[in-house]
Amino acid sequence: MLIGYLFGITSERKLAEECTVNLAFRWYLGYDFDEATPNHSVISKTRGRFGKKVFEEFFQKVLSICLEKGLVAGEKIFADGTLIKANASIKSLVARSDAPSPSLSPNEYVEKVFQENPTKSEHNSERKDDNNTPAEINNTDKAVRKSSRRRCRFNLEHMSRTDPEASYVARKGKRMFAYKHHFTIDRKEPVITAVVMTPRAITEDQVLEELLDRQPVEIKEICADSQYGTADNYAMCWKRDIVPTFPRRSRHFNRSILSPRDFTYDEKKDVFICPSGNELRRITYDKRNRRWHYRARGSACRLCSLKSVCSPNTKYRSIVRHEDQEYVEKSLNWLESPYAKLSIKERACYAEWAIAEAKILHGLSKTRYRGLERVAIQGLMTASVQNIKWLLALYRKEGLGNLRIKQKMRYIMTFLRTQMDLLLIELS
């Protein structure tokens, strides 16, 4: 299997055939010229018998060798995720038999919403009685982030008949089932330090904590794209003494409209003050996303001279403030520094390069197997192969510069064979 991932042989039948006719492969595997090589079914059965745990140990073993050789520093890591097409046709799309069904009818649900959420007059009377107790939003089925929720709901109600664990995705006019390959890569040498495979419905910001938990060393800075830029991730990184260098995620923000940072927050009054001097008072609390909603009066916005650049499509301007807003502000101030801007540009040279190498040279553009556990094996083996190549590059720098090409290849293959023998002894 290691040969297959090193040379990008995605078919196990093709791999078994290559191991039969290729003399270099025979020598590496320890088979004589007249000795029969295993059938392709042996590879499949062995992979199923090992399970995901053995391949995780294999990845950790290769990573530990990289640590011993000083290839991982932990000063700065880059995080990213890439889409992998699942081994399932869009024609296999069917409705789930266990799809969740609503417990209430539409009329019953509307009646329940009016009972749990007071009317405007009742809401104002409650605010007069107690200004420190805002109403809470009932987030059972509210349309917050409509597009992402619609996609998640579709995956809850539909699946692929051939690969039920893959997620449906429509991207650039193409419909398909896919998985998501998440990873982190060190800056000192492009060594992959953590790998997580998830269905496509799981976004990058939901996997960041797991990636940080899997780091082999303590890290000081993590750099990623705007998909990771949520308030929860900012707070989590700062609490771990990790500097988060990734832009704030704002999918539908119009640059021609005044930014929330143009408003001044008065901590004593707990209000936002707009550039015209009007106040945005706290209205509701979003329990699901842990943030407060502030809103200006409609009459004040209607007469404001900045309405065309502040709230051109709404009657009033609204702003949200997260519970951990101080960490968000700290991160935004850090992103304005020249060092952070350089790190964001540097991320593309490391993360995007690793993705391109994995897809072009090692067959990660499409899953070889079906099911999340088997697809995770593919991600672990691909990352292990990429790390092994950096180990070989290190040995070439240390003492292989004056050797001939045949001697170099023989030294490299002997090193690989020795390491794999030691690994198999430890795993057994």
Protein backbone atom coordinates (compact mmCIF):
# COMPACT_ATOMS: atom_id res chain seq x y z
CA MET A 1 0.00 0.00 0.00
CA LEU A 2 2.90 2.35 0.70
CA ILE A 3 4.20 1.78 -2.85
CA GLY A 4 0.75 2.55 -4.23
CA TYR A 5 0.53 5.88 -2.43
CA LEU A 6 4.13 6.84 -3.22
CA PHE A 7 3.69 6.34 -6.96
CA GLY A 8 0.03 7.36 -7.21
CA ILE A 9 -1.32 3.89 -8.11
CA THR A 10 -4.96 4.23 -7.08
CA SER A 11 -6.15 0.77 -8.19
CA GLU A 12 -5.24 -2.20 -6.00
CA ARG A 13 -5.50 -4.51 -9.02
CA LYS A 14 -3.01 -2.30 -10.85
CA LEU A 15 -0.81 -2.22 -7.75
CA ALA A 16 -0.71 -6.02 -7.52
CA GLU A 17 0.18 -6.22 -11.20
CA GLU A 18 2.98 -3.64 -10.84
CA CYS A 19 4.44 -5.51 -7.87
CA THR A 20 4.59 -8.61 -10.07
CA VAL A 21 6.39 -7.09 -13.08
CA ASN A 22 8.45 -4.29 -11.46
CA LEU A 23 11.85 -5.54 -10.28
CA ALA A 24 12.41 -2.55 -7.99
CA PHE A 25 9.12 -3.24 -6.25
CA ARG A 26 10.00 -6.93 -5.90
CA TRP A 27 13.34 -6.07 -4.32
CA TYR A 28 11.74 -3.60 -1.91
CA LEU A 29 9.04 -6.09 -0.88
CA GLY A 30 11.56 -8.95 -0.52
CA TYR A 31 10.25 -11.28 -3.28
CA ASP A 32 12.55 -13.32 -5.51
CA PHE A 33 12.17 -13.45 -9.29
CA ASP A 34 10.42 -16.83 -9.24
CA GLU A 35 8.27 -16.13 -6.17
CA ALA A 36 4.58 -15.37 -6.54
CA THR A 37 3.38 -12.00 -5.26
CA PRO A 38 0.10 -11.58 -3.34
CA ASN A 39 -3.22 -11.21 -5.10
CA HIS A 40 -4.98 -7.86 -5.04
CA SER A 41 -7.62 -9.26 -2.69
CA VAL A 42 -4.94 -9.78 -0.04
CA ILE A 43 -4.35 -6.02 0.05
CA SER A 44 -8.06 -5.30 0.51
CA LYS A 45 -8.49 -7.92 3.23
CA THR A 46 -5.39 -6.75 5.07
CA ARG A 47 -6.55 -3.15 5.02
CA GLY A 48 -9.91 -4.16 6.46
CA ARG A 49 -8.28 -6.32 9.14
CA PHE A 50 -5.89 -3.53 10.21
CA GLY A 51 -8.60 -0.90 10.54
CA LYS A 52 -8.10 2.82 10.95
CA LYS A 53 -6.13 2.52 14.20
CA VAL A 54 -3.07 0.89 12.60
CA PHE A 55 -2.85 3.58 9.93
CA GLU A 56 -3.11 6.29 12.58
CA GLU A 57 -0.19 4.65 14.40
CA PHE A 58 1.71 4.51 11.12
CA PHE A 59 1.15 8.24 10.56
CA GLN A 60 2.21 9.03 14.14
CA LYS A 61 5.34 6.86 13.74
CA VAL A 62 6.43 8.74 10.61
CA LEU A 63 5.64 12.04 12.34
CA SER A 64 7.72 11.04 15.37
CA ILE A 65 10.72 10.42 13.08
CA CYS A 66 10.21 13.91 11.64
CA LEU A 67 10.23 15.28 15.20
CA GLU A 68 13.47 13.44 16.01
CA LYS A 69 15.13 14.89 12.92
CA GLY A 70 14.04 18.42 13.83
CA LEU A 71 11.66 18.94 10.91
CA VAL A 72 8.81 20.21 13.13
CA ALA A 73 9.25 23.41 15.15
CA GLY A 74 5.70 24.38 16.14
CA GLU A 75 6.43 28.10 15.89
CA LYS A 76 3.79 28.49 13.17
CA ILE A 77 1.45 26.05 11.48
CA PHE A 78 -0.95 26.44 8.57
CA ALA A 79 -4.43 24.89 8.50
CA ASP A 80 -6.58 24.18 5.48
CA GLY A 81 -9.19 21.83 4.09
CA THR A 82 -9.89 20.50 0.63
CA LEU A 83 -12.83 18.86 -1.07
CA ILE A 84 -12.45 15.21 -2.13
CA LYS A 85 -14.94 13.73 -4.56
CA ALA A 86 -16.56 10.60 -3.16
CA ASN A 87 -16.67 7.30 -4.99
CA ALA A 88 -20.41 7.64 -5.55
CA SER A 89 -22.50 8.80 -8.49
CA ILE A 90 -25.04 11.61 -8.20
CA LYS A 91 -27.55 9.12 -9.63
CA SER A 92 -27.39 7.24 -6.32
CA LEU A 93 -29.14 10.14 -4.54
CA VAL A 94 -32.11 8.85 -2.55
CA ALA A 95 -34.21 10.04 0.36
CA ARG A 96 -33.26 8.80 3.81
CA SER A 97 -35.64 6.38 5.42
CA ASP A 98 -34.67 7.74 8.86
CA ALA A 99 -34.99 11.41 7.87
CA PRO A 100 -36.20 13.64 10.75
CA SER A 101 -39.83 14.65 10.45
CA PRO A 102 -41.31 17.76 12.10
CA SER A 103 -43.17 17.04 15.32
CA LEU A 104 -45.64 19.88 14.72
CA SER A 105 -47.76 20.93 11.77
CA PRO A 106 -47.14 24.41 10.23
CA ASN A 107 -50.15 25.92 11.97
CA GLU A 108 -49.17 24.40 15.33
CA TYR A 109 -45.63 25.64 14.92
CA VAL A 110 -46.74 29.23 14.13
CA GLU A 111 -49.00 29.22 17.18
CA LYS A 112 -46.12 27.97 19.36
CA VAL A 113 -43.82 30.71 18.04
CA PHE A 114 -46.32 33.44 18.97
CA GLN A 115 -46.70 31.93 22.44
CA GLU A 116 -42.97 31.76 23.12
CA ASN A 117 -42.14 35.14 21.54
CA PRO A 118 -44.13 38.11 22.84
CA THR A 119 -45.58 40.75 20.57
CA LYS A 120 -44.04 44.19 20.19
CA SER A 121 -46.17 45.82 22.88
CA GLU A 122 -45.57 42.99 25.35
CA HIS A 123 -41.86 43.03 24.51
CA ASN A 124 -41.60 46.79 25.19
CA SER A 125 -43.42 46.42 28.49
CA GLU A 126 -41.01 43.71 29.58
CA ARG A 127 -38.06 45.96 28.70
CA LYS A 128 -39.52 48.77 30.81
CA ASP A 129 -39.79 46.44 33.80
CA ASP A 130 -36.29 45.01 33.52
CA ASN A 131 -33.79 46.45 31.07
CA ASN A 132 -31.11 43.97 32.12
CA THR A 133 -33.10 40.90 31.09
CA PRO A 134 -33.33 40.77 27.29
CA ALA A 135 -35.50 38.31 25.46
CA GLU A 136 -33.89 35.16 24.04
CA ILE A 137 -34.25 33.99 20.47
CA ASN A 138 -35.83 30.61 20.00
CA ASN A 139 -33.35 28.99 17.59
CA THR A 140 -35.07 25.66 17.00
CA ASP A 141 -35.75 26.30 13.32
CA LYS A 142 -34.81 29.94 12.75
CA ALA A 143 -33.24 30.81 9.44
CA VAL A 144 -29.84 31.98 10.71
CA ARG A 145 -27.28 31.40 7.96
CA LYS A 146 -29.95 30.18 5.60
CA SER A 147 -27.70 28.72 2.93
CA SER A 148 -25.63 26.55 5.30
CA ARG A 149 -28.71 25.34 7.17
CA ARG A 150 -30.46 24.52 3.92
CA ARG A 151 -27.46 22.44 2.86
CA CYS A 152 -27.32 20.62 6.21
CA ARG A 153 -31.04 19.96 6.11
CA PHE A 154 -30.76 18.50 2.62
CA ASN A 155 -28.03 16.11 3.80
CA LEU A 156 -30.18 15.10 6.74
CA GLU A 157 -33.01 14.17 4.39
CA HIS A 158 -31.00 12.69 1.49
CA MET A 159 -27.99 10.42 1.03
CA SER A 160 -26.09 8.38 -1.49
CA ARG A 161 -27.25 4.81 -1.83
CA THR A 162 -23.68 3.58 -2.46
CA ASP A 163 -21.88 5.77 0.13
CA PRO A 164 -24.34 6.99 2.80
CA GLU A 165 -21.64 8.83 4.81
CA ALA A 166 -20.69 11.18 1.97
CA SER A 167 -22.29 14.64 1.83
CA TYR A 168 -24.11 16.15 -1.12
CA VAL A 169 -22.59 19.34 -2.52
CA ALA A 170 -23.38 21.59 -5.49
CA ARG A 171 -20.29 23.52 -6.54
CA LYS A 172 -19.63 25.57 -9.68
CA GLY A 173 -22.63 24.07 -11.43
CA LYS A 174 -21.62 20.48 -10.58
CA ARG A 175 -23.46 18.21 -8.20
CA MET A 176 -21.59 15.43 -6.43
CA PHE A 177 -20.98 13.64 -3.15
CA ALA A 178 -17.80 14.55 -1.32
CA TYR A 179 -15.68 14.38 1.82
CA LYS A 180 -13.47 17.01 3.43
CA HIS A 181 -9.75 16.53 4.12
CA HIS A 182 -8.54 18.79 6.96
CA PHE A 183 -4.88 19.08 7.90
CA THR A 184 -2.20 21.27 9.46
CA ILE A 185 1.31 21.76 8.11
CA ASP A 186 4.40 23.12 9.86
CA ARG A 187 6.25 26.17 8.58
CA LYS A 188 9.85 25.06 9.22
CA GLU A 189 9.52 22.14 6.80
CA PRO A 190 6.20 21.32 5.07
CA VAL A 191 5.51 18.36 7.37
CA ILE A 192 1.84 17.52 7.96
CA THR A 193 1.27 17.43 11.72
CA ALA A 194 -2.43 16.48 11.94
CA VAL A 195 -5.10 14.99 9.66
CA VAL A 196 -8.89 14.85 10.09
CA MET A 197 -11.32 13.47 7.51
CA THR A 198 -14.99 14.47 7.70
CA PRO A 199 -18.08 14.54 5.47
CA ARG A 200 -18.41 17.64 3.30
CA ALA A 201 -21.18 19.04 5.52
CA ILE A 202 -18.64 19.60 8.32
CA THR A 203 -17.01 22.98 7.74
CA GLU A 204 -13.45 24.06 8.54
CA ASP A 205 -14.32 26.12 11.61
CA GLN A 206 -15.87 23.07 13.29
CA VAL A 207 -12.67 21.00 13.01
CA LEU A 208 -10.10 23.54 14.25
CA GLU A 209 -10.25 22.44 17.89
CA GLU A 210 -9.67 18.80 16.97
CA LEU A 211 -6.71 19.75 14.79
CA LEU A 212 -5.15 21.69 17.65
CA ASP A 213 -5.67 18.78 20.05
CA ARG A 214 -3.74 16.48 17.70
CA GLN A 215 -0.62 18.63 17.45
CA PRO A 216 2.55 16.74 18.47
CA VAL A 217 4.19 19.87 19.93
CA GLU A 218 3.02 23.11 21.49
CA ILE A 219 2.39 25.70 18.82
CA LYS A 220 2.55 29.48 19.04
CA GLU A 221 0.68 30.62 15.94
CA ILE A 222 -1.83 29.15 13.53
CA CYS A 223 -2.56 30.67 10.13
CA ALA A 224 -5.60 29.80 7.97
CA ASP A 225 -8.12 31.33 5.59
CA SER A 226 -11.35 33.13 6.46
CA GLN A 227 -13.33 29.87 6.75
CA TYR A 228 -11.85 29.48 10.24
CA GLY A 229 -12.52 33.08 11.29
CA THR A 230 -15.32 32.70 13.83
CA ALA A 231 -15.54 34.29 17.26
CA ASP A 232 -15.46 30.90 18.98
CA ASN A 233 -12.22 29.97 17.21
CA TYR A 234 -10.61 33.29 18.08
CA ALA A 235 -11.48 32.85 21.74
CA MET A 236 -10.33 29.23 21.79
CA CYS A 237 -6.92 30.09 20.30
CA TRP A 238 -6.21 33.04 22.61
CA LYS A 239 -7.21 30.98 25.66
CA ARG A 240 -4.65 28.37 24.58
CA ASP A 241 -1.97 31.05 24.15
CA ILE A 242 -2.03 30.54 20.37
CA VAL A 243 -2.03 33.54 18.04
CA PRO A 244 -4.84 33.13 15.45
CA THR A 245 -3.89 34.57 12.06
CA PHE A 246 -6.98 34.11 9.94
CA PRO A 247 -9.40 36.80 8.67
CA ARG A 248 -12.87 37.25 10.08
CA ARG A 249 -15.46 35.29 8.18
CA SER A 250 -18.09 37.55 6.60
CA ARG A 251 -19.67 35.85 3.62
CA HIS A 252 -22.28 38.45 2.67
CA PHE A 253 -20.61 41.65 3.82
CA ASN A 254 -20.85 44.57 1.38
CA ARG A 255 -17.73 46.73 1.43
CA SER A 256 -19.70 49.81 0.35
CA ILE A 257 -21.62 49.69 3.66
CA LEU A 258 -20.19 50.94 6.94
CA SER A 259 -18.37 48.21 8.83
CA PRO A 260 -19.33 47.32 12.42
CA ARG A 261 -15.87 48.58 13.42
CA ASP A 262 -16.98 52.08 12.39
CA PHE A 263 -19.37 52.03 15.36
CA THR A 264 -18.17 52.84 18.88
CA TYR A 265 -19.16 50.56 21.74
CA ASP A 266 -19.99 52.20 25.08
CA GLU A 267 -19.39 49.57 27.72
CA LYS A 268 -21.06 51.52 30.55
CA LYS A 269 -24.32 52.09 28.69
CA ASP A 270 -24.02 48.80 26.73
CA VAL A 271 -24.88 50.53 23.45
CA PHE A 272 -23.25 51.09 20.08
CA ILE A 273 -22.90 54.67 18.82
CA CYS A 274 -23.02 55.15 15.06
CA PRO A 275 -20.94 57.81 13.21
CA SER A 276 -23.97 60.14 13.28
CA GLY A 277 -24.28 59.89 17.08
CA ASN A 278 -27.36 57.65 17.24
CA GLU A 279 -27.46 54.76 19.72
CA LEU A 280 -28.01 51.10 18.88
CA ARG A 281 -29.53 49.43 21.95
CA ARG A 282 -29.45 45.78 22.91
CA ILE A 283 -32.57 43.97 21.68
CA THR A 284 -32.23 40.20 21.87
CA TYR A 285 -29.79 37.42 22.72
CA ASP A 286 -28.96 34.71 20.18
CA LYS A 287 -28.56 31.68 22.42
CA ARG A 288 -27.32 29.33 19.70
CA ASN A 289 -24.48 31.59 18.52
CA ARG A 290 -23.83 33.24 21.92
CA ARG A 291 -24.15 36.81 20.76
CA TRP A 292 -26.20 39.95 21.44
CA HIS A 293 -28.16 41.87 18.83
CA TYR A 294 -28.18 45.67 18.85
CA ARG A 295 -30.54 47.79 16.79
CA ALA A 296 -31.13 51.47 16.11
CA ARG A 297 -34.50 53.15 16.02
CA GLY A 298 -36.19 53.21 12.65
CA SER A 299 -37.03 56.91 12.95
CA ALA A 300 -33.40 57.80 13.67
CA CYS A 301 -32.13 55.81 10.67
CA ARG A 302 -34.79 57.23 8.37
CA LEU A 303 -33.66 60.81 9.01
CA CYS A 304 -29.93 60.02 9.09
CA SER A 305 -27.69 61.44 6.35
CA LEU A 306 -25.56 58.26 6.27
CA LYS A 307 -28.44 55.86 5.61
CA SER A 308 -27.36 55.25 2.00
CA VAL A 309 -23.98 53.88 3.18
CA CYS A 310 -25.15 52.36 6.46
CA SER A 311 -28.48 50.57 5.91
CA PRO A 312 -29.67 51.18 2.33
CA ASN A 313 -31.87 48.08 2.12
CA THR A 314 -33.33 48.00 5.65
CA LYS A 315 -35.33 50.34 7.83
CA TYR A 316 -32.74 50.31 10.61
CA ARG A 317 -29.13 49.28 11.23
CA SER A 318 -28.34 46.26 13.43
CA ILE A 319 -25.05 44.96 14.87
CA VAL A 320 -24.17 41.78 16.74
CA ARG A 321 -21.68 41.44 19.58
CA HIS A 322 -20.31 38.08 20.65
CA GLU A 323 -19.82 37.06 24.27
CA ASP A 324 -16.08 36.82 23.57
CA GLN A 325 -15.96 40.02 21.56
CA GLU A 326 -12.75 41.15 23.28
CA TYR A 327 -10.91 38.23 21.65
CA VAL A 328 -12.42 39.13 18.28
CA GLU A 329 -11.21 42.72 18.58
CA LYS A 330 -7.79 41.51 19.67
CA SER A 331 -7.59 39.26 16.62
CA LEU A 332 -8.74 41.98 14.21
CA ASN A 333 -6.11 44.35 15.57
CA TRP A 334 -3.47 41.66 15.13
CA LEU A 335 -4.54 41.04 11.53
CA GLU A 336 -3.75 44.65 10.67
CA SER A 337 -0.06 44.16 11.49
CA PRO A 338 2.41 43.66 8.59
CA TYR A 339 3.53 40.32 10.05
CA ALA A 340 -0.02 38.91 10.00
CA LYS A 341 -0.59 40.06 6.41
CA LEU A 342 2.64 38.36 5.36
CA SER A 343 1.62 35.14 7.15
CA ILE A 344 -1.71 35.06 5.29
CA LYS A 345 0.13 35.30 1.96
CA GLU A 346 2.64 32.71 3.13
CA ARG A 347 -0.13 30.22 3.90
CA ALA A 348 -0.89 29.73 0.20
CA CYS A 349 2.71 28.67 -0.45
CA TYR A 350 2.46 25.86 2.10
CA ALA A 351 -1.15 24.68 2.43
CA GLU A 352 -2.19 25.04 -1.21
CA TRP A 353 1.03 23.40 -2.36
CA ALA A 354 0.43 20.40 -0.07
CA ILE A 355 -3.11 20.03 -1.44
CA ALA A 356 -1.91 20.16 -5.05
CA GLU A 357 0.80 17.58 -4.39
CA ALA A 358 -1.61 15.21 -2.67
CA LYS A 359 -4.18 15.41 -5.46
CA ILE A 360 -1.89 15.36 -8.49
CA LEU A 361 0.82 12.93 -7.39
CA HIS A 362 -0.82 10.76 -4.73
CA GLY A 363 -4.42 10.29 -5.90
CA LEU A 364 -6.29 12.35 -3.31
CA SER A 365 -8.51 14.06 -5.90
CA LYS A 366 -11.03 11.24 -5.50
CA THR A 367 -11.66 8.72 -2.76
CA ARG A 368 -10.52 5.16 -3.43
CA TYR A 369 -12.94 3.60 -0.96
CA ARG A 370 -16.40 4.17 0.48
CA GLY A 371 -17.25 5.01 4.05
CA LEU A 372 -15.71 7.60 6.36
CA GLU A 373 -13.33 5.20 8.12
CA ARG A 374 -11.87 3.88 4.87
CA VAL A 375 -11.59 7.36 3.39
CA ALA A 376 -9.77 8.45 6.56
CA ILE A 377 -7.22 5.69 5.87
CA GLN A 378 -6.57 7.24 2.47
CA GLY A 379 -6.01 10.66 4.03
CA LEU A 380 -3.62 9.26 6.66
CA MET A 381 -1.57 7.29 4.12
CA THR A 382 -1.33 10.27 1.76
CA ALA A 383 -0.10 12.51 4.57
CA SER A 384 2.38 9.83 5.69
CA VAL A 385 3.82 9.57 2.18
CA GLN A 386 4.23 13.35 1.95
CA ASN A 387 6.12 13.36 5.27
CA ILE A 388 8.33 10.45 4.17
CA LYS A 389 9.37 12.45 1.11
CA TRP A 390 10.59 15.26 3.34
CA LEU A 391 12.55 12.74 5.40
CA LEU A 392 14.23 11.52 2.22
CA ALA A 393 15.02 15.10 1.24
CA LEU A 394 16.66 15.58 4.65
CA TYR A 395 18.86 12.50 4.20
CA ARG A 396 19.83 13.68 0.74
CA LYS A 397 21.02 16.98 2.22
CA GLU A 398 22.94 15.29 5.04
CA GLY A 399 25.16 12.86 3.14
CA LEU A 400 23.92 11.85 -0.28
CA GLY A 401 25.11 14.83 -2.28
CA ASN A 402 28.29 13.15 -3.57
CA LEU A 403 26.77 9.75 -4.39
CA ARG A 404 25.66 8.56 -7.78
CA ILE A 405 22.00 8.27 -8.66
CA LYS A 406 21.88 4.47 -8.30
CA GLN A 407 23.62 4.62 -4.94
CA LYS A 408 21.21 7.33 -3.76
CA MET A 409 18.14 5.29 -4.72
CA ARG A 410 19.56 2.17 -3.09
CA TYR A 411 20.29 4.09 0.12
CA ILE A 412 16.81 5.60 0.16
CA MET A 413 15.03 2.31 -0.48
CA THR A 414 17.13 0.56 2.17
CA PHE A 415 16.23 3.26 4.67
CA LEU A 416 12.52 2.94 3.87
CA ARG A 417 12.63 -0.83 4.10
CA THR A 418 14.36 -0.72 7.49
CA GLN A 419 11.89 1.79 8.90
CA MET A 420 8.88 -0.17 7.66
CA ASP A 421 10.26 -3.41 9.17
CA LEU A 422 10.74 -1.70 12.52
CA LEU A 423 7.24 -0.24 12.34
CA LEU A 424 5.64 -3.60 11.59
CA ILE A 425 7.49 -5.17 14.52
CA GLU A 426 6.20 -2.46 16.87
CA LEU A 427 2.62 -2.70 15.59
CA SER A 428 2.60 -6.48 15.90
